[in-house]
């Protein structure tokens, strides 16, 4: 009995470093201890702080809508609300998405090391952080008006639904497109107190852009998603994926150009649309062979497409 107790004591006192070494030799993933990395660094990883392309993809169309709604400079208050609110909500969305997908992400090469999936951050911690960030975004919305506050509830509901849409919807990127475009009607509501037809048309156009770039993203994970039974546009579109991506880009730029023409925008606005179109042509070269590196690069650089459009909108209004 004494010998057995001694074995148990030695087992319980096993050096964690030895455990990690054995795991490494066996080729197993073993997350770094939180005490060494620091909780704050893990939380930054969780909200993708080192990958700002995600919140920039939401920010540029929202700011473009602000400029359309205000017919120019919207003022510092609304600019700060939408910039900080976009960052906070995108970060909250990452927390919810990683919790919802933690059992799937471990089977995908690109996502296996995410903090929740690896166990470095608990589900409770991730949800608490996500809730705090969502409350921060809501506090910012409370400084606007009733219409914007009401639309924020719809935006939150769609954002929460998206992670689960990937289990049931053949093209979940369309749900993401609505979630990522909802800053557009909120911008109009914040400026005008209502959302005119212009806001909804811009949302529809932006939805095509989201489907385009998130399909590029989905192509990267297509092999892994097929194995685990995840539904994505890259799988649904099949060999037509690249063609549909390019058609979505055309629809996005065409709809936004048409709105600009109806609003009487000038040459500078259309120069922004043209700059975005040139980038889209380059993206076709990146994705046409469906390589992981090419498709992921195209996705990561999409925020420059949105920036080109926003720069055209803002500069055109500034030019009068």
Protein backbone atom coordinates (compact mmCIF):
# COMPACT_ATOMS: atom_id res chain seq x y z
CA UNK A 1 0.00 0.00 0.00
CA UNK A 2 2.91 2.34 0.86
CA UNK A 3 4.56 1.58 -2.49
CA UNK A 4 1.30 2.33 -4.32
CA UNK A 5 0.91 5.63 -2.45
CA UNK A 6 4.49 6.55 -3.37
CA UNK A 7 3.79 5.86 -7.06
CA UNK A 8 0.72 8.08 -6.91
CA UNK A 9 2.69 10.88 -5.30
CA UNK A 10 5.40 10.65 -7.97
CA UNK A 11 2.73 10.68 -10.69
CA UNK A 12 1.06 13.77 -9.23
CA UNK A 13 4.44 15.52 -8.99
CA UNK A 14 5.34 14.83 -12.61
CA UNK A 15 7.06 17.86 -14.06
CA UNK A 16 4.74 19.65 -16.55
CA UNK A 17 7.80 20.27 -18.69
CA UNK A 18 8.30 16.50 -19.05
CA UNK A 19 4.65 16.15 -20.03
CA UNK A 20 5.03 18.81 -22.72
CA UNK A 21 8.19 17.18 -24.04
CA UNK A 22 6.47 13.81 -24.33
CA UNK A 23 3.52 15.44 -26.05
CA UNK A 24 5.82 17.23 -28.47
CA UNK A 25 7.64 14.01 -29.30
CA UNK A 26 4.32 12.33 -29.97
CA UNK A 27 3.36 15.16 -32.31
CA UNK A 28 0.49 16.32 -30.11
CA UNK A 29 -0.63 19.93 -29.74
CA UNK A 30 -0.04 21.17 -26.22
CA UNK A 31 -0.96 24.78 -25.43
CA UNK A 32 1.58 26.98 -23.71
CA UNK A 33 0.75 27.57 -20.05
CA UNK A 34 -1.21 30.74 -19.43
CA UNK A 35 1.20 31.80 -16.69
CA UNK A 36 3.98 32.16 -19.29
CA UNK A 37 2.01 33.76 -22.07
CA UNK A 38 -0.19 35.87 -19.83
CA UNK A 39 -3.95 36.00 -19.88
CA UNK A 40 -3.98 39.34 -21.66
CA UNK A 41 -1.98 37.96 -24.59
CA UNK A 42 -4.38 35.04 -24.87
CA UNK A 43 -7.36 37.39 -24.91
CA UNK A 44 -5.73 39.43 -27.66
CA UNK A 45 -5.30 36.21 -29.66
CA UNK A 46 -8.94 35.36 -29.04
CA UNK A 47 -10.22 38.65 -30.50
CA UNK A 48 -7.67 38.50 -33.40
CA UNK A 49 -6.10 41.79 -32.32
CA UNK A 50 -3.04 41.09 -34.46
CA UNK A 51 -5.28 40.60 -37.53
CA UNK A 52 -7.10 43.92 -38.03
CA UNK A 53 -8.26 42.99 -41.53
CA UNK A 54 -11.40 41.49 -39.97
CA UNK A 55 -12.70 44.69 -38.39
CA UNK A 56 -11.53 46.80 -41.34
CA UNK A 57 -13.82 44.73 -43.58
CA UNK A 58 -16.74 45.88 -41.41
CA UNK A 59 -15.49 49.42 -40.91
CA UNK A 60 -15.08 50.72 -44.48
CA UNK A 61 -18.66 50.08 -45.69
CA UNK A 62 -20.05 51.47 -42.43
CA UNK A 63 -18.02 54.66 -42.81
CA UNK A 64 -18.97 54.92 -46.47
CA UNK A 65 -22.63 54.73 -45.41
CA UNK A 66 -22.02 57.43 -42.79
CA UNK A 67 -20.69 59.75 -45.49
CA UNK A 68 -23.59 58.95 -47.82
CA UNK A 69 -26.13 59.56 -45.06
CA UNK A 70 -24.55 62.82 -43.89
CA UNK A 71 -23.76 63.96 -47.43
CA UNK A 72 -20.18 64.42 -46.29
CA UNK A 73 -18.36 64.68 -42.97
CA UNK A 74 -20.58 63.04 -40.27
CA UNK A 75 -18.88 64.65 -37.25
CA UNK A 76 -16.44 63.31 -34.68
CA UNK A 77 -19.09 61.81 -32.41
CA UNK A 78 -20.51 59.37 -34.97
CA UNK A 79 -17.07 58.62 -36.38
CA UNK A 80 -15.77 57.56 -32.96
CA UNK A 81 -18.95 55.58 -32.20
CA UNK A 82 -18.74 53.57 -35.41
CA UNK A 83 -14.98 52.98 -35.33
CA UNK A 84 -14.88 51.82 -31.71
CA UNK A 85 -18.22 50.02 -31.99
CA UNK A 86 -17.05 48.10 -35.05
CA UNK A 87 -13.86 46.96 -33.33
CA UNK A 88 -15.73 45.95 -30.17
CA UNK A 89 -18.46 44.00 -31.98
CA UNK A 90 -16.07 42.22 -34.30
CA UNK A 91 -14.00 41.18 -31.27
CA UNK A 92 -17.13 39.99 -29.45
CA UNK A 93 -18.11 38.01 -32.55
CA UNK A 94 -14.74 36.25 -32.54
CA UNK A 95 -15.35 35.13 -28.94
CA UNK A 96 -18.78 33.70 -29.73
CA UNK A 97 -17.61 32.12 -33.00
CA UNK A 98 -14.67 30.36 -31.34
CA UNK A 99 -16.87 28.96 -28.58
CA UNK A 100 -19.47 27.72 -31.07
CA UNK A 101 -16.86 26.17 -33.37
CA UNK A 102 -14.39 24.82 -30.80
CA UNK A 103 -15.19 21.16 -31.56
CA UNK A 104 -14.85 21.76 -35.32
CA UNK A 105 -11.80 24.03 -35.24
CA UNK A 106 -9.55 21.36 -33.76
CA UNK A 107 -9.91 19.39 -37.01
CA UNK A 108 -8.96 22.34 -39.24
CA UNK A 109 -5.27 23.04 -39.73
CA UNK A 110 -5.65 26.83 -39.73
CA UNK A 111 -7.77 27.04 -36.56
CA UNK A 112 -6.52 24.20 -34.36
CA UNK A 113 -4.38 26.54 -32.26
CA UNK A 114 -7.07 29.07 -31.38
CA UNK A 115 -7.19 29.81 -27.63
CA UNK A 116 -10.60 28.26 -26.90
CA UNK A 117 -10.01 25.26 -29.16
CA UNK A 118 -6.63 24.51 -27.57
CA UNK A 119 -8.01 24.94 -24.07
CA UNK A 120 -5.79 27.91 -23.22
CA UNK A 121 -8.93 30.04 -22.67
CA UNK A 122 -12.05 28.51 -21.13
CA UNK A 123 -15.52 28.75 -22.64
CA UNK A 124 -16.66 30.81 -19.65
CA UNK A 125 -13.79 33.27 -20.08
CA UNK A 126 -14.44 33.65 -23.81
CA UNK A 127 -18.16 34.26 -23.30
CA UNK A 128 -17.50 36.74 -20.49
CA UNK A 129 -15.06 38.68 -22.66
CA UNK A 130 -17.49 38.62 -25.59
CA UNK A 131 -20.32 39.90 -23.37
CA UNK A 132 -18.15 42.73 -22.03
CA UNK A 133 -17.18 43.81 -25.54
CA UNK A 134 -20.80 43.67 -26.74
CA UNK A 135 -21.85 45.82 -23.77
CA UNK A 136 -19.13 48.31 -24.66
CA UNK A 137 -20.47 48.51 -28.20
CA UNK A 138 -24.02 48.92 -26.88
CA UNK A 139 -22.90 51.73 -24.56
CA UNK A 140 -21.56 53.54 -27.63
CA UNK A 141 -24.85 53.01 -29.49
CA UNK A 142 -26.74 54.48 -26.54
CA UNK A 143 -25.13 57.83 -27.34
CA UNK A 144 -26.92 57.98 -30.71
CA UNK A 145 -30.71 57.73 -31.12
CA UNK A 146 -33.61 55.33 -30.65
CA UNK A 147 -33.63 54.07 -34.25
CA UNK A 148 -29.95 53.09 -34.08
CA UNK A 149 -30.46 51.40 -30.72
CA UNK A 150 -33.31 49.30 -32.13
CA UNK A 151 -31.29 48.30 -35.18
CA UNK A 152 -28.41 47.29 -32.91
CA UNK A 153 -30.56 44.50 -31.44
CA UNK A 154 -31.18 43.10 -34.92
CA UNK A 155 -27.45 43.35 -35.67
CA UNK A 156 -26.63 41.44 -32.48
CA UNK A 157 -29.16 38.70 -33.24
CA UNK A 158 -27.75 38.12 -36.72
CA UNK A 159 -24.17 38.11 -35.42
CA UNK A 160 -25.08 35.46 -32.82
CA UNK A 161 -26.89 33.36 -35.42
CA UNK A 162 -24.01 33.22 -37.91
CA UNK A 163 -21.76 30.66 -36.13
CA UNK A 164 -24.65 28.19 -36.07
CA UNK A 165 -25.74 28.89 -39.66
CA UNK A 166 -22.65 26.98 -40.79
CA UNK A 167 -24.33 23.78 -39.63
CA UNK A 168 -27.59 24.25 -41.54
CA UNK A 169 -27.28 26.80 -44.37
CA UNK A 170 -25.60 25.80 -47.64
CA UNK A 171 -24.18 29.30 -48.13
CA UNK A 172 -23.63 30.61 -44.57
CA UNK A 173 -21.57 33.41 -46.10
CA UNK A 174 -24.89 35.06 -47.00
CA UNK A 175 -25.79 35.19 -43.30
CA UNK A 176 -22.34 36.60 -42.57
CA UNK A 177 -22.94 39.11 -45.36
CA UNK A 178 -25.99 40.49 -43.57
CA UNK A 179 -24.16 40.57 -40.24
CA UNK A 180 -21.10 42.30 -41.71
CA UNK A 181 -23.28 44.80 -43.62
CA UNK A 182 -25.58 45.85 -40.81
CA UNK A 183 -23.41 48.82 -39.96
CA UNK A 184 -24.79 50.40 -43.15
CA UNK A 185 -28.45 50.77 -42.06
CA UNK A 186 -27.24 51.65 -38.56
CA UNK A 187 -25.16 54.49 -40.03
CA UNK A 188 -28.18 55.89 -41.86
CA UNK A 189 -30.30 55.53 -38.74
CA UNK A 190 -27.67 57.34 -36.66
CA UNK A 191 -27.60 60.30 -39.06
CA UNK A 192 -31.21 60.47 -40.26
CA UNK A 193 -33.21 58.64 -37.61
CA UNK A 194 -34.43 56.22 -40.29
CA UNK A 195 -33.10 53.99 -43.06
CA UNK A 196 -34.07 55.11 -46.59
CA UNK A 197 -34.07 52.80 -49.59
CA UNK A 198 -30.50 53.88 -50.32
CA UNK A 199 -29.24 52.22 -47.15
CA UNK A 200 -30.85 48.88 -47.96
CA UNK A 201 -29.52 48.89 -51.52
CA UNK A 202 -26.01 49.56 -50.26
CA UNK A 203 -26.46 46.68 -47.78
CA UNK A 204 -27.48 44.36 -50.63
CA UNK A 205 -24.43 45.37 -52.64
CA UNK A 206 -22.12 44.91 -49.67
CA UNK A 207 -23.58 41.45 -49.03
CA UNK A 208 -22.20 40.35 -52.42
CA UNK A 209 -18.75 41.60 -51.41
CA UNK A 210 -18.85 39.60 -48.16
CA UNK A 211 -19.86 36.44 -50.02
CA UNK A 212 -16.95 37.02 -52.41
CA UNK A 213 -14.19 37.45 -49.87
CA UNK A 214 -15.49 34.90 -47.38
CA UNK A 215 -15.73 32.31 -50.14
CA UNK A 216 -12.04 32.95 -50.82
CA UNK A 217 -11.51 32.29 -47.12
CA UNK A 218 -13.64 29.14 -47.27
CA UNK A 219 -11.66 27.73 -50.20
CA UNK A 220 -8.61 27.64 -47.91
CA UNK A 221 -10.42 25.30 -45.49
CA UNK A 222 -12.49 23.35 -48.01
CA UNK A 223 -10.70 20.01 -47.59
CA UNK A 224 -10.99 20.12 -43.80
CA UNK A 225 -14.61 21.35 -43.90
CA UNK A 226 -15.59 18.44 -46.15
CA UNK A 227 -14.16 15.99 -43.62
CA UNK A 228 -16.03 17.43 -40.64
CA UNK A 229 -19.32 18.11 -42.45
CA UNK A 230 -19.26 21.91 -42.25
CA UNK A 231 -21.34 23.79 -44.83
CA UNK A 232 -19.65 26.61 -46.76
CA UNK A 233 -20.09 28.46 -50.03
CA UNK A 234 -16.81 27.00 -51.29
CA UNK A 235 -18.30 23.51 -51.00
CA UNK A 236 -21.74 24.47 -52.32
CA UNK A 237 -20.37 26.34 -55.35
CA UNK A 238 -17.99 23.50 -56.25
CA UNK A 239 -15.96 24.10 -59.40
CA UNK A 240 -17.94 27.27 -60.09
CA UNK A 241 -16.48 28.87 -56.96
CA UNK A 242 -14.04 31.24 -58.66
CA UNK A 243 -16.60 32.35 -61.27
CA UNK A 244 -19.22 33.04 -58.60
CA UNK A 245 -16.71 34.96 -56.48
CA UNK A 246 -15.92 37.21 -59.43
CA UNK A 247 -19.62 37.71 -60.22
CA UNK A 248 -20.20 38.72 -56.59
CA UNK A 249 -17.41 41.29 -56.85
CA UNK A 250 -18.99 42.68 -60.01
CA UNK A 251 -22.41 42.86 -58.34
CA UNK A 252 -20.93 44.67 -55.33
CA UNK A 253 -19.09 47.29 -57.35
CA UNK A 254 -21.95 47.64 -59.85
CA UNK A 255 -24.56 48.29 -57.16
CA UNK A 256 -22.39 50.80 -55.29
CA UNK A 257 -21.49 52.56 -58.55
CA UNK A 258 -25.18 52.78 -59.47
CA UNK A 259 -26.00 54.30 -56.07
CA UNK A 260 -23.19 56.80 -56.53
CA UNK A 261 -24.54 57.76 -59.94
CA UNK A 262 -28.08 58.20 -58.57
CA UNK A 263 -26.68 60.37 -55.78
CA UNK A 264 -24.84 62.53 -58.30
CA UNK A 265 -21.36 61.60 -57.16
CA UNK A 266 -18.48 62.78 -59.31
CA UNK A 267 -15.28 61.56 -60.91
CA UNK A 268 -13.42 61.06 -57.63
CA UNK A 269 -16.05 58.60 -56.41
CA UNK A 270 -15.80 56.58 -59.61
CA UNK A 271 -12.01 56.68 -59.37
CA UNK A 272 -12.39 54.86 -56.05
CA UNK A 273 -14.68 52.28 -57.65
CA UNK A 274 -12.13 51.83 -60.46
CA UNK A 275 -9.28 51.36 -57.97
CA UNK A 276 -11.34 48.68 -56.24
CA UNK A 277 -12.05 46.98 -59.58
CA UNK A 278 -8.33 46.86 -60.40
CA UNK A 279 -7.73 45.08 -57.11
CA UNK A 280 -10.54 42.64 -57.86
CA UNK A 281 -8.86 41.76 -61.16
CA UNK A 282 -5.66 41.03 -59.24
CA UNK A 283 -7.62 38.87 -56.80
CA UNK A 284 -8.78 36.75 -59.71
CA UNK A 285 -5.15 36.02 -60.48
CA UNK A 286 -4.61 35.05 -56.85
CA UNK A 287 -7.58 32.67 -56.58
CA UNK A 288 -7.93 31.21 -60.07
CA UNK A 289 -5.72 28.18 -59.22
CA UNK A 290 -7.42 27.74 -55.81
CA UNK A 291 -4.14 27.51 -53.91
CA UNK A 292 -4.36 27.96 -50.15
CA UNK A 293 -1.78 30.74 -50.10
CA UNK A 294 -3.36 32.62 -53.01
CA UNK A 295 -6.90 32.46 -51.66
CA UNK A 296 -5.86 33.40 -48.15
CA UNK A 297 -3.82 36.33 -49.44
CA UNK A 298 -6.79 37.55 -51.48
CA UNK A 299 -9.01 37.36 -48.41
CA UNK A 300 -6.54 39.19 -46.18
CA UNK A 301 -6.11 42.04 -48.67
CA UNK A 302 -9.82 42.61 -49.27
CA UNK A 303 -9.95 45.46 -46.80
CA UNK A 304 -8.02 47.52 -49.38
CA UNK A 305 -10.95 47.05 -51.77
CA UNK A 306 -13.28 48.51 -49.16
CA UNK A 307 -10.81 51.29 -48.37
CA UNK A 308 -10.62 52.29 -52.05
CA UNK A 309 -14.41 52.62 -52.19
CA UNK A 310 -14.55 54.59 -48.92
CA UNK A 311 -11.72 56.89 -49.99
CA UNK A 312 -13.62 57.60 -53.21
CA UNK A 313 -16.82 58.38 -51.29
CA UNK A 314 -15.21 60.59 -48.65
CA UNK A 315 -12.90 62.45 -51.03
CA UNK A 316 -15.69 63.06 -53.53
CA UNK A 317 -17.88 64.66 -50.87
CA UNK A 318 -14.93 66.71 -49.60
CA UNK A 319 -14.31 67.95 -53.14
CA UNK A 320 -17.90 69.17 -53.30
